[in-house]
């Protein structure tokens, strides 16, 4: 299934809201495929979920900051708050 991108994306898109690892893997897959529009769509949704620090870190490290400035800023805010809460 992992070699069939269409099947993988179909299934991962059905379950990424219910499983943190699937969400992170879906972000990675869209990054691998250089599909910035889908990476943006999925990341925007994931950043609204609880326990979203890992999603935010992925966005910070992987999103095109100039093209998706608002998402990048949101991710920075979420990540900063999440790290601050750890201390």
PDB file of N, CA and C in Angstrom:
ATOM      1  N   UNK A   1       0.827  -1.190   0.000  1.00  0.00           N
ATOM      2  CA  UNK A   1       0.000   0.000   0.000  1.00  0.00           C
ATOM      3  C   UNK A   1       0.872   1.255   0.000  1.00  0.00           C
ATOM      4  N   UNK A   2       2.019   1.231   0.669  1.00  0.00           N
ATOM      5  CA  UNK A   2       2.863   2.417   0.752  1.00  0.00           C
ATOM      6  C   UNK A   2       3.445   2.800  -0.602  1.00  0.00           C
ATOM      7  N   UNK A   3       3.571   1.844  -1.523  1.00  0.00           N
ATOM      8  CA  UNK A   3       4.119   2.141  -2.837  1.00  0.00           C
ATOM      9  C   UNK A   3       3.066   2.691  -3.779  1.00  0.00           C
ATOM     10  N   UNK A   4       1.809   2.489  -3.481  1.00  0.00           N
ATOM     11  CA  UNK A   4       0.716   3.009  -4.301  1.00  0.00           C
ATOM     12  C   UNK A   4       0.255   4.324  -3.680  1.00  0.00           C
ATOM     13  N   UNK A   5       0.788   5.431  -4.182  1.00  0.00           N
ATOM     14  CA  UNK A   5       0.505   6.737  -3.589  1.00  0.00           C
ATOM     15  C   UNK A   5      -0.977   7.066  -3.555  1.00  0.00           C
ATOM     16  N   UNK A   6      -1.698   6.765  -4.611  1.00  0.00           N
ATOM     17  CA  UNK A   6      -3.124   7.104  -4.671  1.00  0.00           C
ATOM     18  C   UNK A   6      -3.900   6.377  -3.574  1.00  0.00           C
ATOM     19  N   UNK A   7      -3.635   5.098  -3.414  1.00  0.00           N
ATOM     20  CA  UNK A   7      -4.316   4.315  -2.385  1.00  0.00           C
ATOM     21  C   UNK A   7      -3.911   4.787  -0.995  1.00  0.00           C
ATOM     22  N   UNK A   8      -2.607   4.997  -0.804  1.00  0.00           N
ATOM     23  CA  UNK A   8      -2.113   5.473   0.487  1.00  0.00           C
ATOM     24  C   UNK A   8      -2.767   6.795   0.863  1.00  0.00           C
ATOM     25  N   UNK A   9      -2.787   7.743  -0.075  1.00  0.00           N
ATOM     26  CA  UNK A   9      -3.363   9.059   0.210  1.00  0.00           C
ATOM     27  C   UNK A   9      -4.858   8.972   0.495  1.00  0.00           C
ATOM     28  N   UNK A  10      -5.551   8.115  -0.229  1.00  0.00           N
ATOM     29  CA  UNK A  10      -6.993   7.944   0.000  1.00  0.00           C
ATOM     30  C   UNK A  10      -7.255   7.453   1.419  1.00  0.00           C
ATOM     31  N   UNK A  11      -6.545   6.428   1.826  1.00  0.00           N
ATOM     32  CA  UNK A  11      -6.756   5.847   3.155  1.00  0.00           C
ATOM     33  C   UNK A  11      -6.264   6.798   4.245  1.00  0.00           C
ATOM     34  N   UNK A  12      -5.094   7.377   4.060  1.00  0.00           N
ATOM     35  CA  UNK A  12      -4.553   8.294   5.066  1.00  0.00           C
ATOM     36  C   UNK A  12      -5.458   9.510   5.249  1.00  0.00           C
ATOM     37  N   UNK A  13      -6.047  10.004   4.169  1.00  0.00           N
ATOM     38  CA  UNK A  13      -6.954  11.147   4.281  1.00  0.00           C
ATOM     39  C   UNK A  13      -8.233  10.798   5.037  1.00  0.00           C
ATOM     40  N   UNK A  14      -8.606   9.539   5.038  1.00  0.00           N
ATOM     41  CA  UNK A  14      -9.782   9.108   5.786  1.00  0.00           C
ATOM     42  C   UNK A  14      -9.512   9.028   7.287  1.00  0.00           C
ATOM     43  N   UNK A  15      -8.257   8.775   7.666  1.00  0.00           N
ATOM     44  CA  UNK A  15      -7.962   8.484   9.068  1.00  0.00           C
ATOM     45  C   UNK A  15      -7.036   9.482   9.767  1.00  0.00           C
ATOM     46  N   UNK A  16      -6.523  10.480   9.073  1.00  0.00           N
ATOM     47  CA  UNK A  16      -5.513  11.339   9.694  1.00  0.00           C
ATOM     48  C   UNK A  16      -6.044  12.150  10.869  1.00  0.00           C
ATOM     49  N   UNK A  17      -7.332  12.364  10.936  1.00  0.00           N
ATOM     50  CA  UNK A  17      -7.896  13.104  12.068  1.00  0.00           C
ATOM     51  C   UNK A  17      -8.019  12.251  13.323  1.00  0.00           C
ATOM     52  N   UNK A  18      -7.938  10.944  13.167  1.00  0.00           N
ATOM     53  CA  UNK A  18      -8.161  10.037  14.282  1.00  0.00           C
ATOM     54  C   UNK A  18      -6.888   9.425  14.850  1.00  0.00           C
ATOM     55  N   UNK A  19      -5.785   9.589  14.148  1.00  0.00           N
ATOM     56  CA  UNK A  19      -4.544   8.970  14.594  1.00  0.00           C
ATOM     57  C   UNK A  19      -3.391   9.933  14.347  1.00  0.00           C
ATOM     58  N   UNK A  20      -2.713  10.290  15.410  1.00  0.00           N
ATOM     59  CA  UNK A  20      -1.629  11.270  15.333  1.00  0.00           C
ATOM     60  C   UNK A  20      -0.531  10.840  14.366  1.00  0.00           C
ATOM     61  N   UNK A  21      -0.145   9.580  14.411  1.00  0.00           N
ATOM     62  CA  UNK A  21       0.924   9.094  13.527  1.00  0.00           C
ATOM     63  C   UNK A  21       0.512   9.158  12.065  1.00  0.00           C
ATOM     64  N   UNK A  22      -0.746   8.863  11.777  1.00  0.00           N
ATOM     65  CA  UNK A  22      -1.230   8.951  10.393  1.00  0.00           C
ATOM     66  C   UNK A  22      -1.185  10.409   9.926  1.00  0.00           C
ATOM     67  N   UNK A  23      -1.541  11.327  10.808  1.00  0.00           N
ATOM     68  CA  UNK A  23      -1.475  12.752  10.468  1.00  0.00           C
ATOM     69  C   UNK A  23      -0.065  13.189  10.128  1.00  0.00           C
ATOM     70  N   UNK A  24       0.889  12.792  10.947  1.00  0.00           N
ATOM     71  CA  UNK A  24       2.288  13.147  10.694  1.00  0.00           C
ATOM     72  C   UNK A  24       2.806  12.493   9.412  1.00  0.00           C
ATOM     73  N   UNK A  25       2.433  11.247   9.187  1.00  0.00           N
ATOM     74  CA  UNK A  25       2.870  10.549   7.972  1.00  0.00           C
ATOM     75  C   UNK A  25       2.256  11.171   6.727  1.00  0.00           C
ATOM     76  N   UNK A  26       1.020  11.630   6.838  1.00  0.00           N
ATOM     77  CA  UNK A  26       0.378  12.275   5.701  1.00  0.00           C
ATOM     78  C   UNK A  26       1.059  13.602   5.374  1.00  0.00           C
ATOM     79  N   UNK A  27       1.418  14.357   6.395  1.00  0.00           N
ATOM     80  CA  UNK A  27       2.180  15.580   6.164  1.00  0.00           C
ATOM     81  C   UNK A  27       3.490  15.248   5.436  1.00  0.00           C
ATOM     82  N   UNK A  28       4.190  14.235   5.905  1.00  0.00           N
ATOM     83  CA  UNK A  28       5.465  13.846   5.286  1.00  0.00           C
ATOM     84  C   UNK A  28       5.277  13.416   3.834  1.00  0.00           C
ATOM     85  N   UNK A  29       4.215  12.652   3.594  1.00  0.00           N
ATOM     86  CA  UNK A  29       3.961  12.154   2.243  1.00  0.00           C
ATOM     87  C   UNK A  29       3.714  13.309   1.278  1.00  0.00           C
ATOM     88  N   UNK A  30       2.903  14.275   1.683  1.00  0.00           N
ATOM     89  CA  UNK A  30       2.658  15.420   0.811  1.00  0.00           C
ATOM     90  C   UNK A  30       3.941  16.229   0.601  1.00  0.00           C
ATOM     91  N   UNK A  31       4.784  16.296   1.601  1.00  0.00           N
ATOM     92  CA  UNK A  31       6.067  16.983   1.455  1.00  0.00           C
ATOM     93  C   UNK A  31       6.952  16.244   0.447  1.00  0.00           C
ATOM     94  N   UNK A  32       6.999  14.916   0.567  1.00  0.00           N
ATOM     95  CA  UNK A  32       7.768  14.093  -0.379  1.00  0.00           C
ATOM     96  C   UNK A  32       7.289  14.296  -1.815  1.00  0.00           C
ATOM     97  N   UNK A  33       5.977  14.413  -1.973  1.00  0.00           N
ATOM     98  CA  UNK A  33       5.379  14.567  -3.298  1.00  0.00           C
ATOM     99  C   UNK A  33       5.420  16.015  -3.794  1.00  0.00           C
ATOM    100  N   UNK A  34       5.956  16.915  -2.969  1.00  0.00           N
ATOM    101  CA  UNK A  34       5.997  18.350  -3.284  1.00  0.00           C
ATOM    102  C   UNK A  34       4.611  18.905  -3.604  1.00  0.00           C
ATOM    103  N   UNK A  35       3.607  18.383  -2.909  1.00  0.00           N
ATOM    104  CA  UNK A  35       2.236  18.861  -3.085  1.00  0.00           C
ATOM    105  C   UNK A  35       1.946  19.868  -1.975  1.00  0.00           C
ATOM    106  N   UNK A  36       2.390  21.094  -2.191  1.00  0.00           N
ATOM    107  CA  UNK A  36       2.278  22.128  -1.165  1.00  0.00           C
ATOM    108  C   UNK A  36       0.839  22.501  -0.849  1.00  0.00           C
ATOM    109  N   UNK A  37      -0.029  22.445  -1.838  1.00  0.00           N
ATOM    110  CA  UNK A  37      -1.436  22.786  -1.594  1.00  0.00           C
ATOM    111  C   UNK A  37      -2.075  21.784  -0.629  1.00  0.00           C
ATOM    112  N   UNK A  38      -1.808  20.508  -0.825  1.00  0.00           N
ATOM    113  CA  UNK A  38      -2.364  19.489   0.070  1.00  0.00           C
ATOM    114  C   UNK A  38      -1.660  19.498   1.422  1.00  0.00           C
ATOM    115  N   UNK A  39      -0.374  19.755   1.416  1.00  0.00           N
ATOM    116  CA  UNK A  39       0.351  19.880   2.684  1.00  0.00           C
ATOM    117  C   UNK A  39      -0.242  21.023   3.500  1.00  0.00           C
ATOM    118  N   UNK A  40      -0.521  22.127   2.854  1.00  0.00           N
ATOM    119  CA  UNK A  40      -1.148  23.261   3.521  1.00  0.00           C
ATOM    120  C   UNK A  40      -2.517  22.879   4.068  1.00  0.00           C
ATOM    121  N   UNK A  41      -3.345  22.236   3.239  1.00  0.00           N
ATOM    122  CA  UNK A  41      -4.708  21.858   3.644  1.00  0.00           C
ATOM    123  C   UNK A  41      -4.679  20.953   4.870  1.00  0.00           C
ATOM    124  N   UNK A  42      -3.884  19.902   4.815  1.00  0.00           N
ATOM    125  CA  UNK A  42      -3.818  18.932   5.912  1.00  0.00           C
ATOM    126  C   UNK A  42      -3.225  19.586   7.162  1.00  0.00           C
ATOM    127  N   UNK A  43      -2.164  20.338   6.990  1.00  0.00           N
ATOM    128  CA  UNK A  43      -1.513  20.977   8.140  1.00  0.00           C
ATOM    129  C   UNK A  43      -2.437  21.975   8.820  1.00  0.00           C
ATOM    130  N   UNK A  44      -3.175  22.727   8.038  1.00  0.00           N
ATOM    131  CA  UNK A  44      -4.114  23.700   8.613  1.00  0.00           C
ATOM    132  C   UNK A  44      -5.149  22.996   9.488  1.00  0.00           C
ATOM    133  N   UNK A  45      -5.634  21.869   9.025  1.00  0.00           N
ATOM    134  CA  UNK A  45      -6.603  21.083   9.807  1.00  0.00           C
ATOM    135  C   UNK A  45      -5.947  20.531  11.064  1.00  0.00           C
ATOM    136  N   UNK A  46      -4.764  19.961  10.923  1.00  0.00           N
ATOM    137  CA  UNK A  46      -4.083  19.350  12.062  1.00  0.00           C
ATOM    138  C   UNK A  46      -3.713  20.374  13.136  1.00  0.00           C
ATOM    139  N   UNK A  47      -3.431  21.595  12.734  1.00  0.00           N
ATOM    140  CA  UNK A  47      -3.068  22.617  13.722  1.00  0.00           C
ATOM    141  C   UNK A  47      -4.259  23.027  14.589  1.00  0.00           C
ATOM    142  N   UNK A  48      -5.464  22.688  14.186  1.00  0.00           N
ATOM    143  CA  UNK A  48      -6.637  23.007  15.007  1.00  0.00           C
ATOM    144  C   UNK A  48      -6.909  21.935  16.062  1.00  0.00           C
ATOM    145  N   UNK A  49      -6.211  20.810  15.965  1.00  0.00           N
ATOM    146  CA  UNK A  49      -6.430  19.719  16.911  1.00  0.00           C
ATOM    147  C   UNK A  49      -5.667  19.956  18.204  1.00  0.00           C
ATOM    148  N   UNK A  50      -6.134  19.296  19.272  1.00  0.00           N
ATOM    149  CA  UNK A  50      -5.385  19.315  20.529  1.00  0.00           C
ATOM    150  C   UNK A  50      -4.080  18.558  20.328  1.00  0.00           C
ATOM    151  N   UNK A  51      -3.125  18.820  21.192  1.00  0.00           N
ATOM    152  CA  UNK A  51      -1.839  18.126  21.148  1.00  0.00           C
ATOM    153  C   UNK A  51      -1.208  18.258  19.759  1.00  0.00           C
ATOM    154  N   UNK A  52      -1.117  19.503  19.291  1.00  0.00           N
ATOM    155  CA  UNK A  52      -0.698  19.748  17.921  1.00  0.00           C
ATOM    156  C   UNK A  52       0.739  20.264  17.788  1.00  0.00           C
ATOM    157  N   UNK A  53       1.530  20.158  18.830  1.00  0.00           N
ATOM    158  CA  UNK A  53       2.894  20.682  18.808  1.00  0.00           C
ATOM    159  C   UNK A  53       3.739  19.983  17.742  1.00  0.00           C
ATOM    160  N   UNK A  54       3.609  18.677  17.597  1.00  0.00           N
ATOM    161  CA  UNK A  54       4.389  17.955  16.589  1.00  0.00           C
ATOM    162  C   UNK A  54       3.989  18.358  15.175  1.00  0.00           C
ATOM    163  N   UNK A  55       2.699  18.564  14.951  1.00  0.00           N
ATOM    164  CA  UNK A  55       2.250  19.040  13.637  1.00  0.00           C
ATOM    165  C   UNK A  55       2.830  20.423  13.367  1.00  0.00           C
ATOM    166  N   UNK A  56       2.828  21.271  14.387  1.00  0.00           N
ATOM    167  CA  UNK A  56       3.353  22.634  14.241  1.00  0.00           C
ATOM    168  C   UNK A  56       4.842  22.596  13.912  1.00  0.00           C
ATOM    169  N   UNK A  57       5.587  21.750  14.580  1.00  0.00           N
ATOM    170  CA  UNK A  57       7.016  21.645  14.307  1.00  0.00           C
ATOM    171  C   UNK A  57       7.264  21.200  12.866  1.00  0.00           C
ATOM    172  N   UNK A  58       6.463  20.261  12.395  1.00  0.00           N
ATOM    173  CA  UNK A  58       6.611  19.821  11.013  1.00  0.00           C
ATOM    174  C   UNK A  58       6.380  20.990  10.053  1.00  0.00           C
ATOM    175  N   UNK A  59       5.360  21.775  10.307  1.00  0.00           N
ATOM    176  CA  UNK A  59       5.072  22.935   9.458  1.00  0.00           C
ATOM    177  C   UNK A  59       6.237  23.912   9.486  1.00  0.00           C
ATOM    178  N   UNK A  60       6.735  24.213  10.670  1.00  0.00           N
ATOM    179  CA  UNK A  60       7.844  25.158  10.816  1.00  0.00           C
ATOM    180  C   UNK A  60       9.055  24.704   9.999  1.00  0.00           C
ATOM    181  N   UNK A  61       9.326  23.427  10.030  1.00  0.00           N
ATOM    182  CA  UNK A  61      10.516  22.903   9.367  1.00  0.00           C
ATOM    183  C   UNK A  61      10.328  22.636   7.870  1.00  0.00           C
ATOM    184  N   UNK A  62       9.079  22.550   7.399  1.00  0.00           N
ATOM    185  CA  UNK A  62       8.872  22.053   6.036  1.00  0.00           C
ATOM    186  C   UNK A  62       8.026  22.910   5.107  1.00  0.00           C
ATOM    187  N   UNK A  63       7.290  23.848   5.615  1.00  0.00           N
ATOM    188  CA  UNK A  63       6.376  24.616   4.758  1.00  0.00           C
ATOM    189  C   UNK A  63       7.133  25.752   4.067  1.00  0.00           C
ATOM    190  N   UNK A  64       6.683  26.136   2.908  1.00  0.00           N
ATOM    191  CA  UNK A  64       7.237  27.295   2.205  1.00  0.00           C
ATOM    192  C   UNK A  64       6.763  28.546   2.952  1.00  0.00           C
ATOM    193  N   UNK A  65       7.661  29.139   3.702  1.00  0.00           N
ATOM    194  CA  UNK A  65       7.309  30.239   4.610  1.00  0.00           C
ATOM    195  C   UNK A  65       6.776  31.464   3.873  1.00  0.00           C
ATOM    196  N   UNK A  66       7.297  31.748   2.706  1.00  0.00           N
ATOM    197  CA  UNK A  66       6.830  32.931   1.979  1.00  0.00           C
ATOM    198  C   UNK A  66       5.464  32.696   1.344  1.00  0.00           C
ATOM    199  N   UNK A  67       5.211  31.499   0.869  1.00  0.00           N
ATOM    200  CA  UNK A  67       3.931  31.206   0.223  1.00  0.00           C
ATOM    201  C   UNK A  67       2.805  30.985   1.229  1.00  0.00           C
ATOM    202  N   UNK A  68       3.149  30.488   2.401  1.00  0.00           N
ATOM    203  CA  UNK A  68       2.139  30.146   3.415  1.00  0.00           C
ATOM    204  C   UNK A  68       2.476  30.818   4.738  1.00  0.00           C
ATOM    205  N   UNK A  69       2.668  32.115   4.690  1.00  0.00           N
ATOM    206  CA  UNK A  69       3.103  32.875   5.870  1.00  0.00           C
ATOM    207  C   UNK A  69       2.132  32.751   7.035  1.00  0.00           C
ATOM    208  N   UNK A  70       0.835  32.811   6.777  1.00  0.00           N
ATOM    209  CA  UNK A  70      -0.130  32.752   7.883  1.00  0.00           C
ATOM    210  C   UNK A  70      -0.088  31.398   8.582  1.00  0.00           C
ATOM    211  N   UNK A  71       0.067  30.333   7.824  1.00  0.00           N
ATOM    212  CA  UNK A  71       0.167  29.002   8.432  1.00  0.00           C
ATOM    213  C   UNK A  71       1.467  28.877   9.222  1.00  0.00           C
ATOM    214  N   UNK A  72       2.537  29.403   8.678  1.00  0.00           N
ATOM    215  CA  UNK A  72       3.828  29.366   9.360  1.00  0.00           C
ATOM    216  C   UNK A  72       3.762  30.114  10.691  1.00  0.00           C
ATOM    217  N   UNK A  73       3.153  31.284  10.695  1.00  0.00           N
ATOM    218  CA  UNK A  73       3.016  32.075  11.925  1.00  0.00           C
ATOM    219  C   UNK A  73       2.153  31.343  12.946  1.00  0.00           C
ATOM    220  N   UNK A  74       1.055  30.759  12.496  1.00  0.00           N
ATOM    221  CA  UNK A  74       0.204  29.980  13.408  1.00  0.00           C
ATOM    222  C   UNK A  74       0.975  28.824  14.021  1.00  0.00           C
ATOM    223  N   UNK A  75       1.765  28.143  13.192  1.00  0.00           N
ATOM    224  CA  UNK A  75       2.559  27.014  13.686  1.00  0.00           C
ATOM    225  C   UNK A  75       3.577  27.480  14.715  1.00  0.00           C
ATOM    226  N   UNK A  76       4.222  28.615  14.465  1.00  0.00           N
ATOM    227  CA  UNK A  76       5.182  29.151  15.437  1.00  0.00           C
ATOM    228  C   UNK A  76       4.501  29.461  16.768  1.00  0.00           C
ATOM    229  N   UNK A  77       3.327  30.056  16.710  1.00  0.00           N
ATOM    230  CA  UNK A  77       2.587  30.385  17.937  1.00  0.00           C
ATOM    231  C   UNK A  77       2.219  29.118  18.702  1.00  0.00           C
ATOM    232  N   UNK A  78       1.709  28.128  17.992  1.00  0.00           N
ATOM    233  CA  UNK A  78       1.307  26.870  18.630  1.00  0.00           C
ATOM    234  C   UNK A  78       2.521  26.172  19.238  1.00  0.00           C
ATOM    235  N   UNK A  79       3.603  26.118  18.486  1.00  0.00           N
ATOM    236  CA  UNK A  79       4.805  25.448  18.971  1.00  0.00           C
ATOM    237  C   UNK A  79       5.372  26.154  20.200  1.00  0.00           C
ATOM    238  N   UNK A  80       5.414  27.469  20.152  1.00  0.00           N
ATOM    239  CA  UNK A  80       5.947  28.247  21.275  1.00  0.00           C
ATOM    240  C   UNK A  80       5.096  28.037  22.526  1.00  0.00           C
ATOM    241  N   UNK A  81       3.775  28.083  22.372  1.00  0.00           N
ATOM    242  CA  UNK A  81       2.894  27.838  23.522  1.00  0.00           C
ATOM    243  C   UNK A  81       3.068  26.426  24.064  1.00  0.00           C
ATOM    244  N   UNK A  82       3.204  25.456  23.161  1.00  0.00           N
ATOM    245  CA  UNK A  82       3.356  24.069  23.578  1.00  0.00           C
ATOM    246  C   UNK A  82       4.637  23.827  24.334  1.00  0.00           C
ATOM    247  N   UNK A  83       5.721  24.396  23.873  1.00  0.00           N
ATOM    248  CA  UNK A  83       7.011  24.266  24.562  1.00  0.00           C
ATOM    249  C   UNK A  83       6.969  24.987  25.899  1.00  0.00           C
ATOM    250  N   UNK A  84       6.359  26.151  25.913  1.00  0.00           N
ATOM    251  CA  UNK A  84       6.258  26.947  27.151  1.00  0.00           C
ATOM    252  C   UNK A  84       5.495  26.171  28.227  1.00  0.00           C
ATOM    253  N   UNK A  85       4.466  25.442  27.804  1.00  0.00           N
ATOM    254  CA  UNK A  85       3.663  24.666  28.763  1.00  0.00           C
ATOM    255  C   UNK A  85       4.422  23.494  29.354  1.00  0.00           C
ATOM    256  N   UNK A  86       5.497  23.082  28.702  1.00  0.00           N
ATOM    257  CA  UNK A  86       6.290  21.973  29.227  1.00  0.00           C
ATOM    258  C   UNK A  86       7.140  22.390  30.418  1.00  0.00           C
ATOM    259  N   UNK A  87       7.403  23.709  30.528  1.00  0.00           N
ATOM    260  CA  UNK A  87       8.298  24.187  31.583  1.00  0.00           C
ATOM    261  C   UNK A  87       7.578  24.922  32.651  1.00  0.00           C
TER     262      UNK A  87
END
